[in-house]
PDB file of N, CA and C in Angstrom:
ATOM      1  N   MET A   1      86.213  88.492 148.550  1.00  0.00           N
ATOM      2  CA  MET A   1      85.833  89.035 147.718  1.00  0.00           C
ATOM      3  C   MET A   1      85.019  88.156 146.625  1.00  0.00           C
ATOM      4  N   LYS A   2      85.609  87.340 146.189  1.00  0.00           N
ATOM      5  CA  LYS A   2      85.377  86.506 144.484  1.00  0.00           C
ATOM      6  C   LYS A   2      83.976  85.830 144.771  1.00  0.00           C
ATOM      7  N   SER A   3      83.762  85.195 146.635  1.00  0.00           N
ATOM      8  CA  SER A   3      82.251  84.676 146.500  1.00  0.00           C
ATOM      9  C   SER A   3      81.506  85.541 146.717  1.00  0.00           C
ATOM     10  N   MET A   4      81.438  86.978 147.373  1.00  0.00           N
ATOM     11  CA  MET A   4      81.091  88.178 146.853  1.00  0.00           C
ATOM     12  C   MET A   4      80.605  88.552 145.623  1.00  0.00           C
ATOM     13  N   LEU A   5      81.352  88.797 145.179  1.00  0.00           N
ATOM     14  CA  LEU A   5      81.349  88.931 143.138  1.00  0.00           C
ATOM     15  C   LEU A   5      80.209  87.872 142.774  1.00  0.00           C
ATOM     16  N   ALA A   6      80.583  86.395 142.671  1.00  0.00           N
ATOM     17  CA  ALA A   6      80.068  85.786 142.660  1.00  0.00           C
ATOM     18  C   ALA A   6      78.490  85.637 142.725  1.00  0.00           C
ATOM     19  N   LYS A   7      77.723  86.178 143.828  1.00  0.00           N
ATOM     20  CA  LYS A   7      76.481  86.621 144.453  1.00  0.00           C
ATOM     21  C   LYS A   7      75.552  87.243 143.864  1.00  0.00           C
ATOM     22  N   MET A   8      76.940  88.004 143.063  1.00  0.00           N
ATOM     23  CA  MET A   8      75.794  89.172 142.293  1.00  0.00           C
ATOM     24  C   MET A   8      76.273  88.921 141.148  1.00  0.00           C
ATOM     25  N   GLY A   9      76.593  88.151 140.623  1.00  0.00           N
ATOM     26  CA  GLY A   9      76.296  87.105 139.173  1.00  0.00           C
ATOM     27  C   GLY A   9      77.638  87.849 138.213  1.00  0.00           C
ATOM     28  N   ILE A  10      79.049  88.217 138.997  1.00  0.00           N
ATOM     29  CA  ILE A  10      79.788  88.364 138.466  1.00  0.00           C
ATOM     30  C   ILE A  10      80.807  87.505 138.663  1.00  0.00           C
ATOM     31  N   LYS A  11      81.429  86.567 137.626  1.00  0.00           N
ATOM     32  CA  LYS A  11      82.677  85.622 137.396  1.00  0.00           C
ATOM     33  C   LYS A  11      84.217  85.874 137.987  1.00  0.00           C
ATOM     34  N   THR A  12      84.787  85.596 138.440  1.00  0.00           N
ATOM     35  CA  THR A  12      86.253  86.337 137.827  1.00  0.00           C
ATOM     36  C   THR A  12      86.948  84.918 137.489  1.00  0.00           C
ATOM     37  N   GLU A  13      88.240  85.177 136.736  1.00  0.00           N
ATOM     38  CA  GLU A  13      89.135  83.895 137.066  1.00  0.00           C
ATOM     39  C   GLU A  13      90.447  85.038 136.245  1.00  0.00           C
ATOM     40  N   GLU A  14      91.621  83.546 136.894  1.00  0.00           N
ATOM     41  CA  GLU A  14      92.520  84.641 136.778  1.00  0.00           C
ATOM     42  C   GLU A  14      93.323  84.011 135.234  1.00  0.00           C
ATOM     43  N   ILE A  15      93.908  83.957 134.774  1.00  0.00           N
ATOM     44  CA  ILE A  15      94.090  83.675 133.183  1.00  0.00           C
ATOM     45  C   ILE A  15      95.995  83.738 133.194  1.00  0.00           C
ATOM     46  N   ASP A  16      96.402  82.766 133.427  1.00  0.00           N
ATOM     47  CA  ASP A  16      98.325  82.491 133.482  1.00  0.00           C
ATOM     48  C   ASP A  16      99.098  82.890 131.901  1.00  0.00           C
ATOM     49  N   ALA A  17      99.633  83.641 131.699  1.00  0.00           N
ATOM     50  CA  ALA A  17     100.512  84.244 130.313  1.00  0.00           C
ATOM     51  C   ALA A  17     101.655  83.948 130.488  1.00  0.00           C
ATOM     52  N   VAL A  18     102.339  84.810 129.347  1.00  0.00           N
ATOM     53  CA  VAL A  18     103.603  85.039 129.606  1.00  0.00           C
ATOM     54  C   VAL A  18     103.473  86.174 129.307  1.00  0.00           C
ATOM     55  N   ARG A  19     102.698  86.826 128.283  1.00  0.00           N
ATOM     56  CA  ARG A  19     103.339  88.098 127.611  1.00  0.00           C
ATOM     57  C   ARG A  19     101.535  88.465 126.480  1.00  0.00           C
ATOM     58  N   VAL A  20     100.959  89.662 126.509  1.00  0.00           N
ATOM     59  CA  VAL A  20      99.944  90.359 126.210  1.00  0.00           C
ATOM     60  C   VAL A  20     100.277  91.619 125.041  1.00  0.00           C
ATOM     61  N   THR A  21      99.868  91.808 124.009  1.00  0.00           N
ATOM     62  CA  THR A  21     100.188  92.263 122.841  1.00  0.00           C
ATOM     63  C   THR A  21      98.954  93.197 122.313  1.00  0.00           C
ATOM     64  N   ILE A  22      99.032  94.419 122.164  1.00  0.00           N
ATOM     65  CA  ILE A  22      97.706  94.635 121.800  1.00  0.00           C
ATOM     66  C   ILE A  22      98.842  95.601 120.368  1.00  0.00           C
ATOM     67  N   GLU A  23      97.675  95.271 119.436  1.00  0.00           N
ATOM     68  CA  GLU A  23      98.546  95.921 118.078  1.00  0.00           C
ATOM     69  C   GLU A  23      97.397  96.875 118.084  1.00  0.00           C
ATOM     70  N   THR A  24      97.943  97.884 117.819  1.00  0.00           N
ATOM     71  CA  THR A  24      97.172  99.381 117.568  1.00  0.00           C
ATOM     72  C   THR A  24      97.881  99.583 115.753  1.00  0.00           C
ATOM     73  N   ASN A  25      96.896 100.905 114.413  1.00  0.00           N
ATOM     74  CA  ASN A  25      97.850 100.665 113.425  1.00  0.00           C
ATOM     75  C   ASN A  25      99.477 101.217 113.637  1.00  0.00           C
ATOM     76  N   ASP A  26      99.885 101.881 114.503  1.00  0.00           N
ATOM     77  CA  ASP A  26     100.955 102.543 114.522  1.00  0.00           C
ATOM     78  C   ASP A  26     102.459 102.113 115.179  1.00  0.00           C
ATOM     79  N   ARG A  27     101.585 101.425 116.342  1.00  0.00           N
ATOM     80  CA  ARG A  27     102.233 100.474 117.470  1.00  0.00           C
ATOM     81  C   ARG A  27     101.697  99.244 118.276  1.00  0.00           C
ATOM     82  N   ASN A  28     102.965  98.960 118.603  1.00  0.00           N
ATOM     83  CA  ASN A  28     102.625  97.327 119.528  1.00  0.00           C
ATOM     84  C   ASN A  28     102.768  97.651 120.983  1.00  0.00           C
ATOM     85  N   ILE A  29     101.459  97.300 122.097  1.00  0.00           N
ATOM     86  CA  ILE A  29     101.857  97.726 123.522  1.00  0.00           C
ATOM     87  C   ILE A  29     102.001  95.914 123.847  1.00  0.00           C
ATOM     88  N   VAL A  30     102.759  96.201 124.430  1.00  0.00           N
ATOM     89  CA  VAL A  30     103.351  94.875 125.078  1.00  0.00           C
ATOM     90  C   VAL A  30     103.142  94.486 126.269  1.00  0.00           C
ATOM     91  N   ILE A  31     102.597  93.611 127.224  1.00  0.00           N
ATOM     92  CA  ILE A  31     102.788  94.016 128.266  1.00  0.00           C
ATOM     93  C   ILE A  31     103.686  92.027 128.984  1.00  0.00           C
ATOM     94  N   GLU A  32     104.590  92.419 129.780  1.00  0.00           N
ATOM     95  CA  GLU A  32     105.545  91.133 130.161  1.00  0.00           C
ATOM     96  C   GLU A  32     105.078  91.019 131.635  1.00  0.00           C
ATOM     97  N   ASN A  33     105.354  89.543 131.611  1.00  0.00           N
ATOM     98  CA  ASN A  33     104.450  89.169 133.294  1.00  0.00           C
ATOM     99  C   ASN A  33     103.549  89.934 133.019  1.00  0.00           C
ATOM    100  N   PRO A  34     102.302  89.458 132.238  1.00  0.00           N
ATOM    101  CA  PRO A  34     101.162  90.542 132.797  1.00  0.00           C
ATOM    102  C   PRO A  34     100.498  89.458 134.136  1.00  0.00           C
ATOM    103  N   GLN A  35      99.457  90.073 134.817  1.00  0.00           N
ATOM    104  CA  GLN A  35      98.561  89.525 135.976  1.00  0.00           C
ATOM    105  C   GLN A  35      97.011  90.200 135.095  1.00  0.00           C
ATOM    106  N   ILE A  36      96.381  88.946 134.606  1.00  0.00           N
ATOM    107  CA  ILE A  36      95.351  89.094 133.835  1.00  0.00           C
ATOM    108  C   ILE A  36      94.425  89.326 134.964  1.00  0.00           C
ATOM    109  N   THR A  37      93.017  88.875 134.240  1.00  0.00           N
ATOM    110  CA  THR A  37      91.904  88.702 135.792  1.00  0.00           C
ATOM    111  C   THR A  37      90.486  88.642 134.495  1.00  0.00           C
ATOM    112  N   LYS A  38      90.063  87.694 133.597  1.00  0.00           N
ATOM    113  CA  LYS A  38      88.664  87.627 133.593  1.00  0.00           C
ATOM    114  C   LYS A  38      87.471  87.798 133.809  1.00  0.00           C
ATOM    115  N   ILE A  39      86.760  89.316 133.674  1.00  0.00           N
ATOM    116  CA  ILE A  39      85.727  89.353 134.335  1.00  0.00           C
ATOM    117  C   ILE A  39      84.372  89.218 133.646  1.00  0.00           C
ATOM    118  N   SER A  40      83.829  87.919 134.343  1.00  0.00           N
ATOM    119  CA  SER A  40      82.288  87.872 133.100  1.00  0.00           C
ATOM    120  C   SER A  40      81.141  88.093 134.062  1.00  0.00           C
ATOM    121  N   ALA A  41      80.508  89.219 133.563  1.00  0.00           N
ATOM    122  CA  ALA A  41      79.126  90.019 134.220  1.00  0.00           C
ATOM    123  C   ALA A  41      78.176  90.137 133.318  1.00  0.00           C
ATOM    124  N   GLN A  42      76.704  89.657 132.776  1.00  0.00           N
ATOM    125  CA  GLN A  42      76.019  90.571 132.424  1.00  0.00           C
ATOM    126  C   GLN A  42      75.670  89.709 130.849  1.00  0.00           C
ATOM    127  N   GLY A  43      76.362  88.643 130.893  1.00  0.00           N
ATOM    128  CA  GLY A  43      76.648  88.645 129.326  1.00  0.00           C
ATOM    129  C   GLY A  43      77.590  88.907 128.553  1.00  0.00           C
ATOM    130  N   SER A  44      78.440  89.886 129.249  1.00  0.00           N
ATOM    131  CA  SER A  44      79.569  90.411 128.824  1.00  0.00           C
ATOM    132  C   SER A  44      80.918  89.631 129.344  1.00  0.00           C
ATOM    133  N   THR A  45      81.861  90.089 128.912  1.00  0.00           N
ATOM    134  CA  THR A  45      83.213  89.834 129.581  1.00  0.00           C
ATOM    135  C   THR A  45      84.404  90.663 129.369  1.00  0.00           C
ATOM    136  N   SER A  46      84.688  91.248 130.370  1.00  0.00           N
ATOM    137  CA  SER A  46      86.247  91.870 130.192  1.00  0.00           C
ATOM    138  C   SER A  46      87.650  91.387 130.690  1.00  0.00           C
ATOM    139  N   PHE A  47      88.277  91.909 130.042  1.00  0.00           N
ATOM    140  CA  PHE A  47      89.823  91.096 131.007  1.00  0.00           C
ATOM    141  C   PHE A  47      90.550  92.731 131.413  1.00  0.00           C
ATOM    142  N   GLN A  48      91.243  92.094 132.704  1.00  0.00           N
ATOM    143  CA  GLN A  48      91.818  93.809 133.514  1.00  0.00           C
ATOM    144  C   GLN A  48      93.553  92.504 133.333  1.00  0.00           C
ATOM    145  N   VAL A  49      94.552  93.782 132.873  1.00  0.00           N
ATOM    146  CA  VAL A  49      95.862  93.866 132.561  1.00  0.00           C
ATOM    147  C   VAL A  49      96.923  94.265 133.427  1.00  0.00           C
ATOM    148  N   GLY A  50      96.662  93.884 134.088  1.00  0.00           N
ATOM    149  CA  GLY A  50      98.370  94.547 134.492  1.00  0.00           C
ATOM    150  C   GLY A  50      99.851  94.203 134.121  1.00  0.00           C
ATOM    151  N   GLY A  51     101.035  94.702 134.493  1.00  0.00           N
ATOM    152  CA  GLY A  51     102.445  94.577 134.212  1.00  0.00           C
ATOM    153  C   GLY A  51     103.294  95.384 133.364  1.00  0.00           C
ATOM    154  N   ASN A  52     104.370  94.819 132.922  1.00  0.00           N
ATOM    155  CA  ASN A  52     105.636  95.492 133.114  1.00  0.00           C
ATOM    156  C   ASN A  52     105.461  95.769 131.299  1.00  0.00           C
ATOM    157  N   VAL A  53     104.978  97.116 131.001  1.00  0.00           N
ATOM    158  CA  VAL A  53     104.680  97.932 129.660  1.00  0.00           C
ATOM    159  C   VAL A  53     105.932  98.601 129.146  1.00  0.00           C
ATOM    160  N   ARG A  54     105.546  97.976 127.427  1.00  0.00           N
ATOM    161  CA  ARG A  54     106.966  98.977 126.502  1.00  0.00           C
ATOM    162  C   ARG A  54     105.938  98.639 125.902  1.00  0.00           C
ATOM    163  N   GLU A  55     106.476  99.537 124.840  1.00  0.00           N
ATOM    164  CA  GLU A  55     105.709  99.846 123.481  1.00  0.00           C
ATOM    165  C   GLU A  55     106.987  99.641 122.035  1.00  0.00           C
ATOM    166  N   GLU A  56     106.679  98.715 121.177  1.00  0.00           N
ATOM    167  CA  GLU A  56     106.990  99.169 120.121  1.00  0.00           C
ATOM    168  C   GLU A  56     106.729  99.666 118.844  1.00  0.00           C
ATOM    169  N   GLU A  57     107.303 100.186 118.258  1.00  0.00           N
ATOM    170  CA  GLU A  57     107.070 100.846 116.528  1.00  0.00           C
ATOM    171  C   GLU A  57     107.052  99.676 115.856  1.00  0.00           C
ATOM    172  N   LYS A  58     105.154  99.578 114.823  1.00  0.00           N
ATOM    173  CA  LYS A  58     105.363  98.861 114.315  1.00  0.00           C
ATOM    174  C   LYS A  58     106.214  99.470 112.793  1.00  0.00           C
ATOM    175  N   ARG A  59     107.125  98.195 112.245  1.00  0.00           N
ATOM    176  CA  ARG A  59     107.296  98.502 110.818  1.00  0.00           C
ATOM    177  C   ARG A  59     106.704  97.987 109.604  1.00  0.00           C
ATOM    178  N   ILE A  60     106.462  98.708 109.031  1.00  0.00           N
ATOM    179  CA  ILE A  60     105.457  98.997 107.860  1.00  0.00           C
ATOM    180  C   ILE A  60     106.404  98.877 106.607  1.00  0.00           C
ATOM    181  N   THR A  61     105.963  97.903 106.083  1.00  0.00           N
ATOM    182  CA  THR A  61     106.053  97.160 104.636  1.00  0.00           C
ATOM    183  C   THR A  61     105.514  97.113 103.882  1.00  0.00           C
ATOM    184  N   VAL A  62     105.972  98.423 102.670  1.00  0.00           N
ATOM    185  CA  VAL A  62     105.011  98.657 101.590  1.00  0.00           C
ATOM    186  C   VAL A  62     105.070  97.479 100.321  1.00  0.00           C
ATOM    187  N   GLU A  63     104.345  97.011  99.534  1.00  0.00           N
ATOM    188  CA  GLU A  63     104.894  96.468  98.489  1.00  0.00           C
ATOM    189  C   GLU A  63     104.593  97.688  96.755  1.00  0.00           C
ATOM    190  N   VAL A  64     105.652  97.461  96.458  1.00  0.00           N
ATOM    191  CA  VAL A  64     106.692  98.970  95.447  1.00  0.00           C
ATOM    192  C   VAL A  64     105.797  98.200  94.072  1.00  0.00           C
ATOM    193  N   THR A  65     104.633  98.102  93.343  1.00  0.00           N
ATOM    194  CA  THR A  65     104.757  97.477  91.726  1.00  0.00           C
ATOM    195  C   THR A  65     105.410  98.324  90.649  1.00  0.00           C
ATOM    196  N   ASP A  66     105.688  97.270  90.062  1.00  0.00           N
ATOM    197  CA  ASP A  66     106.662  98.069  88.559  1.00  0.00           C
ATOM    198  C   ASP A  66     105.033  98.537  87.961  1.00  0.00           C
ATOM    199  N   ASP A  67     103.827  98.954  88.414  1.00  0.00           N
ATOM    200  CA  ASP A  67     103.441  99.410  87.531  1.00  0.00           C
ATOM    201  C   ASP A  67     103.650 101.147  88.456  1.00  0.00           C
ATOM    202  N   ASP A  68     103.518 100.918  90.204  1.00  0.00           N
ATOM    203  CA  ASP A  68     103.825 102.222  90.809  1.00  0.00           C
ATOM    204  C   ASP A  68     105.138 102.909  90.099  1.00  0.00           C
ATOM    205  N   VAL A  69     106.369 101.496  89.852  1.00  0.00           N
ATOM    206  CA  VAL A  69     107.078 102.853  89.676  1.00  0.00           C
ATOM    207  C   VAL A  69     107.147 103.064  88.000  1.00  0.00           C
ATOM    208  N   LYS A  70     106.352 102.565  87.234  1.00  0.00           N
ATOM    209  CA  LYS A  70     106.620 103.249  86.141  1.00  0.00           C
ATOM    210  C   LYS A  70     105.934 104.716  86.066  1.00  0.00           C
ATOM    211  N   LEU A  71     104.436 104.780  86.746  1.00  0.00           N
ATOM    212  CA  LEU A  71     103.558 105.685  86.953  1.00  0.00           C
ATOM    213  C   LEU A  71     104.792 106.693  86.768  1.00  0.00           C
ATOM    214  N   VAL A  72     105.467 106.718  88.184  1.00  0.00           N
ATOM    215  CA  VAL A  72     106.114 107.454  88.820  1.00  0.00           C
ATOM    216  C   VAL A  72     107.321 107.843  88.030  1.00  0.00           C
ATOM    217  N   MET A  73     107.776 106.974  86.913  1.00  0.00           N
ATOM    218  CA  MET A  73     109.058 107.565  86.357  1.00  0.00           C
ATOM    219  C   MET A  73     108.625 108.160  85.040  1.00  0.00           C
ATOM    220  N   ASP A  74     106.718 107.937  84.577  1.00  0.00           N
ATOM    221  CA  ASP A  74     106.395 108.842  83.983  1.00  0.00           C
ATOM    222  C   ASP A  74     106.360 110.032  83.831  1.00  0.00           C
ATOM    223  N   GLN A  75     105.904 110.240  85.184  1.00  0.00           N
ATOM    224  CA  GLN A  75     105.192 111.297  85.890  1.00  0.00           C
ATOM    225  C   GLN A  75     106.127 112.491  86.256  1.00  0.00           C
ATOM    226  N   THR A  76     107.667 111.477  86.322  1.00  0.00           N
ATOM    227  CA  THR A  76     108.691 112.767  87.238  1.00  0.00           C
ATOM    228  C   THR A  76     109.867 112.880  85.613  1.00  0.00           C
ATOM    229  N   GLY A  77     109.412 111.885  84.651  1.00  0.00           N
ATOM    230  CA  GLY A  77     110.560 112.007  83.934  1.00  0.00           C
ATOM    231  C   GLY A  77     111.835 111.152  84.581  1.00  0.00           C
ATOM    232  N   ILE A  78     112.233 110.933  85.815  1.00  0.00           N
ATOM    233  CA  ILE A  78     112.896 110.232  86.389  1.00  0.00           C
ATOM    234  C   ILE A  78     113.418 109.076  85.862  1.00  0.00           C
ATOM    235  N   ARG A  79     114.658 108.171  85.377  1.00  0.00           N
ATOM    236  CA  ARG A  79     115.012 106.813  84.294  1.00  0.00           C
ATOM    237  C   ARG A  79     115.102 105.447  85.754  1.00  0.00           C
ATOM    238  N   ASP A  80     115.937 106.948  87.063  1.00  0.00           N
ATOM    239  CA  ASP A  80     116.627 105.726  87.564  1.00  0.00           C
ATOM    240  C   ASP A  80     115.618 105.208  88.697  1.00  0.00           C
ATOM    241  N   GLU A  81     115.312 104.075  88.754  1.00  0.00           N
ATOM    242  CA  GLU A  81     114.565 103.111  88.952  1.00  0.00           C
ATOM    243  C   GLU A  81     114.428 102.737  90.288  1.00  0.00           C
ATOM    244  N   GLN A  82     115.918 102.375  90.813  1.00  0.00           N
ATOM    245  CA  GLN A  82     115.966 102.966  92.426  1.00  0.00           C
ATOM    246  C   GLN A  82     115.728 103.732  93.142  1.00  0.00           C
ATOM    247  N   ARG A  83     115.816 104.901  92.429  1.00  0.00           N
ATOM    248  CA  ARG A  83     116.023 105.758  92.795  1.00  0.00           C
ATOM    249  C   ARG A  83     114.235 106.361  93.051  1.00  0.00           C
ATOM    250  N   VAL A  84     113.391 105.541  92.267  1.00  0.00           N
ATOM    251  CA  VAL A  84     111.957 106.439  92.436  1.00  0.00           C
ATOM    252  C   VAL A  84     111.614 104.820  93.322  1.00  0.00           C
ATOM    253  N   ARG A  85     111.895 103.910  93.239  1.00  0.00           N
ATOM    254  CA  ARG A  85     111.294 102.845  94.290  1.00  0.00           C
ATOM    255  C   ARG A  85     111.305 103.827  95.489  1.00  0.00           C
ATOM    256  N   ASP A  86     113.015 103.589  95.908  1.00  0.00           N
ATOM    257  CA  ASP A  86     113.493 104.510  97.513  1.00  0.00           C
ATOM    258  C   ASP A  86     112.197 105.871  97.894  1.00  0.00           C
ATOM    259  N   ALA A  87     112.061 106.349  96.506  1.00  0.00           N
ATOM    260  CA  ALA A  87     111.141 107.705  96.792  1.00  0.00           C
ATOM    261  C   ALA A  87     110.078 106.959  96.894  1.00  0.00           C
ATOM    262  N   LEU A  88     109.324 105.888  96.437  1.00  0.00           N
ATOM    263  CA  LEU A  88     107.835 105.086  96.727  1.00  0.00           C
ATOM    264  C   LEU A  88     107.974 104.090  98.453  1.00  0.00           C
ATOM    265  N   SER A  89     108.757 103.874  98.924  1.00  0.00           N
ATOM    266  CA  SER A  89     108.607 103.487  99.729  1.00  0.00           C
ATOM    267  C   SER A  89     109.086 104.325 100.925  1.00  0.00           C
ATOM    268  N   THR A  90     109.789 105.637 101.341  1.00  0.00           N
ATOM    269  CA  THR A  90     110.026 106.280 101.824  1.00  0.00           C
ATOM    270  C   THR A  90     108.453 106.945 102.119  1.00  0.00           C
ATOM    271  N   SER A  91     107.393 107.260 100.831  1.00  0.00           N
ATOM    272  CA  SER A  91     106.500 107.323 100.768  1.00  0.00           C
ATOM    273  C   SER A  91     105.565 106.740 101.353  1.00  0.00           C
ATOM    274  N   ASN A  92     106.036 105.604 102.231  1.00  0.00           N
ATOM    275  CA  ASN A  92     104.509 103.985 102.596  1.00  0.00           C
ATOM    276  C   ASN A  92     103.873 104.222 100.760  1.00  0.00           C
ATOM    277  N   GLY A  93     104.141 103.976  99.953  1.00  0.00           N
ATOM    278  CA  GLY A  93     103.545 103.212  98.978  1.00  0.00           C
ATOM    279  C   GLY A  93     102.879 104.803  97.877  1.00  0.00           C
ATOM    280  N   ASP A  94     102.796 105.682  98.743  1.00  0.00           N
ATOM    281  CA  ASP A  94     101.825 107.331  98.609  1.00  0.00           C
ATOM    282  C   ASP A  94     102.338 107.513  97.206  1.00  0.00           C
ATOM    283  N   ILE A  95     102.018 107.033  96.363  1.00  0.00           N
ATOM    284  CA  ILE A  95     101.953 107.700  94.797  1.00  0.00           C
ATOM    285  C   ILE A  95     102.568 109.009  94.499  1.00  0.00           C
ATOM    286  N   ALA A  96     101.463 110.072  94.700  1.00  0.00           N
ATOM    287  CA  ALA A  96     101.664 111.379  94.881  1.00  0.00           C
ATOM    288  C   ALA A  96     102.842 111.978  95.709  1.00  0.00           C
ATOM    289  N   ALA A  97     102.934 111.540  96.875  1.00  0.00           N
ATOM    290  CA  ALA A  97     103.899 111.778  97.806  1.00  0.00           C
ATOM    291  C   ALA A  97     105.424 111.807  97.145  1.00  0.00           C
ATOM    292  N   ALA A  98     105.374 110.697  96.283  1.00  0.00           N
ATOM    293  CA  ALA A  98     106.850 110.064  96.056  1.00  0.00           C
ATOM    294  C   ALA A  98     107.079 110.818  94.623  1.00  0.00           C
ATOM    295  N   ILE A  99     106.322 111.391  94.009  1.00  0.00           N
ATOM    296  CA  ILE A  99     106.257 112.245  92.547  1.00  0.00           C
ATOM    297  C   ILE A  99     106.533 113.726  93.337  1.00  0.00           C
ATOM    298  N   LEU A 100     106.018 114.313  94.316  1.00  0.00           N
ATOM    299  CA  LEU A 100     106.495 115.662  94.570  1.00  0.00           C
ATOM    300  C   LEU A 100     107.836 115.499  95.101  1.00  0.00           C
ATOM    301  N   GLU A 101     107.944 114.502  96.327  1.00  0.00           N
ATOM    302  CA  GLU A 101     109.329 114.457  96.644  1.00  0.00           C
ATOM    303  C   GLU A 101     110.680 114.424  95.815  1.00  0.00           C
ATOM    304  N   LEU A 102     110.603 113.797  94.374  1.00  0.00           N
ATOM    305  CA  LEU A 102     111.301 113.832  93.596  1.00  0.00           C
ATOM    306  C   LEU A 102     111.561 114.503  92.572  1.00  0.00           C
ATOM    307  N   LYS A 103     109.848 115.394  92.442  1.00  0.00           N
ATOM    308  CA  LYS A 103     109.653 116.736  91.701  1.00  0.00           C
ATOM    309  C   LYS A 103     110.656 117.753  92.435  1.00  0.00           C
ATOM    310  N   ASN A 104     110.581 117.632  93.777  1.00  0.00           N
ATOM    311  CA  ASN A 104     110.912 118.742  94.869  1.00  0.00           C
ATOM    312  C   ASN A 104     112.594 119.303  95.043  1.00  0.00           C
ATOM    313  N   GLY A 105     113.163 117.147  94.654  1.00  0.00           N
ATOM    314  CA  GLY A 105     114.324 117.083  94.568  1.00  0.00           C
ATOM    315  C   GLY A 105     115.266 117.403  93.964  1.00  0.00           C
ATOM    316  N   ASP A 106     114.372 117.359  92.969  1.00  0.00           N
ATOM    317  CA  ASP A 106     115.128 118.068  91.679  1.00  0.00           C
ATOM    318  C   ASP A 106     115.650 119.341  91.636  1.00  0.00           C
ATOM    319  N   GLN A 107     115.058 120.426  91.740  1.00  0.00           N
ATOM    320  CA  GLN A 107     115.190 121.983  92.238  1.00  0.00           C
ATOM    321  C   GLN A 107     116.288 122.603  92.882  1.00  0.00           C
TER     322      GLN A 107
END
């Protein structure tokens, strides 16, 4: 099969790897014990990957700045800094969402 592909100008190579990780915006796809084939043809390279697949959710770390906290405190009238920081963390740093959450929570 390899010699037939080589005649057509297609090169294949087996890659020895322990793990393959594909990172997306919201999760990681992890392939353990992968079988990887590198395929090169017509100046293009692609990879064929198989193995034991599992998915992991990404943990988003949001930096809450003092300026953000001050702005939310000014807009909501809430003086509990930790409560404001928690609302900003829960909303992934979205100031408007944190303000709405805090204002709706006080009703």
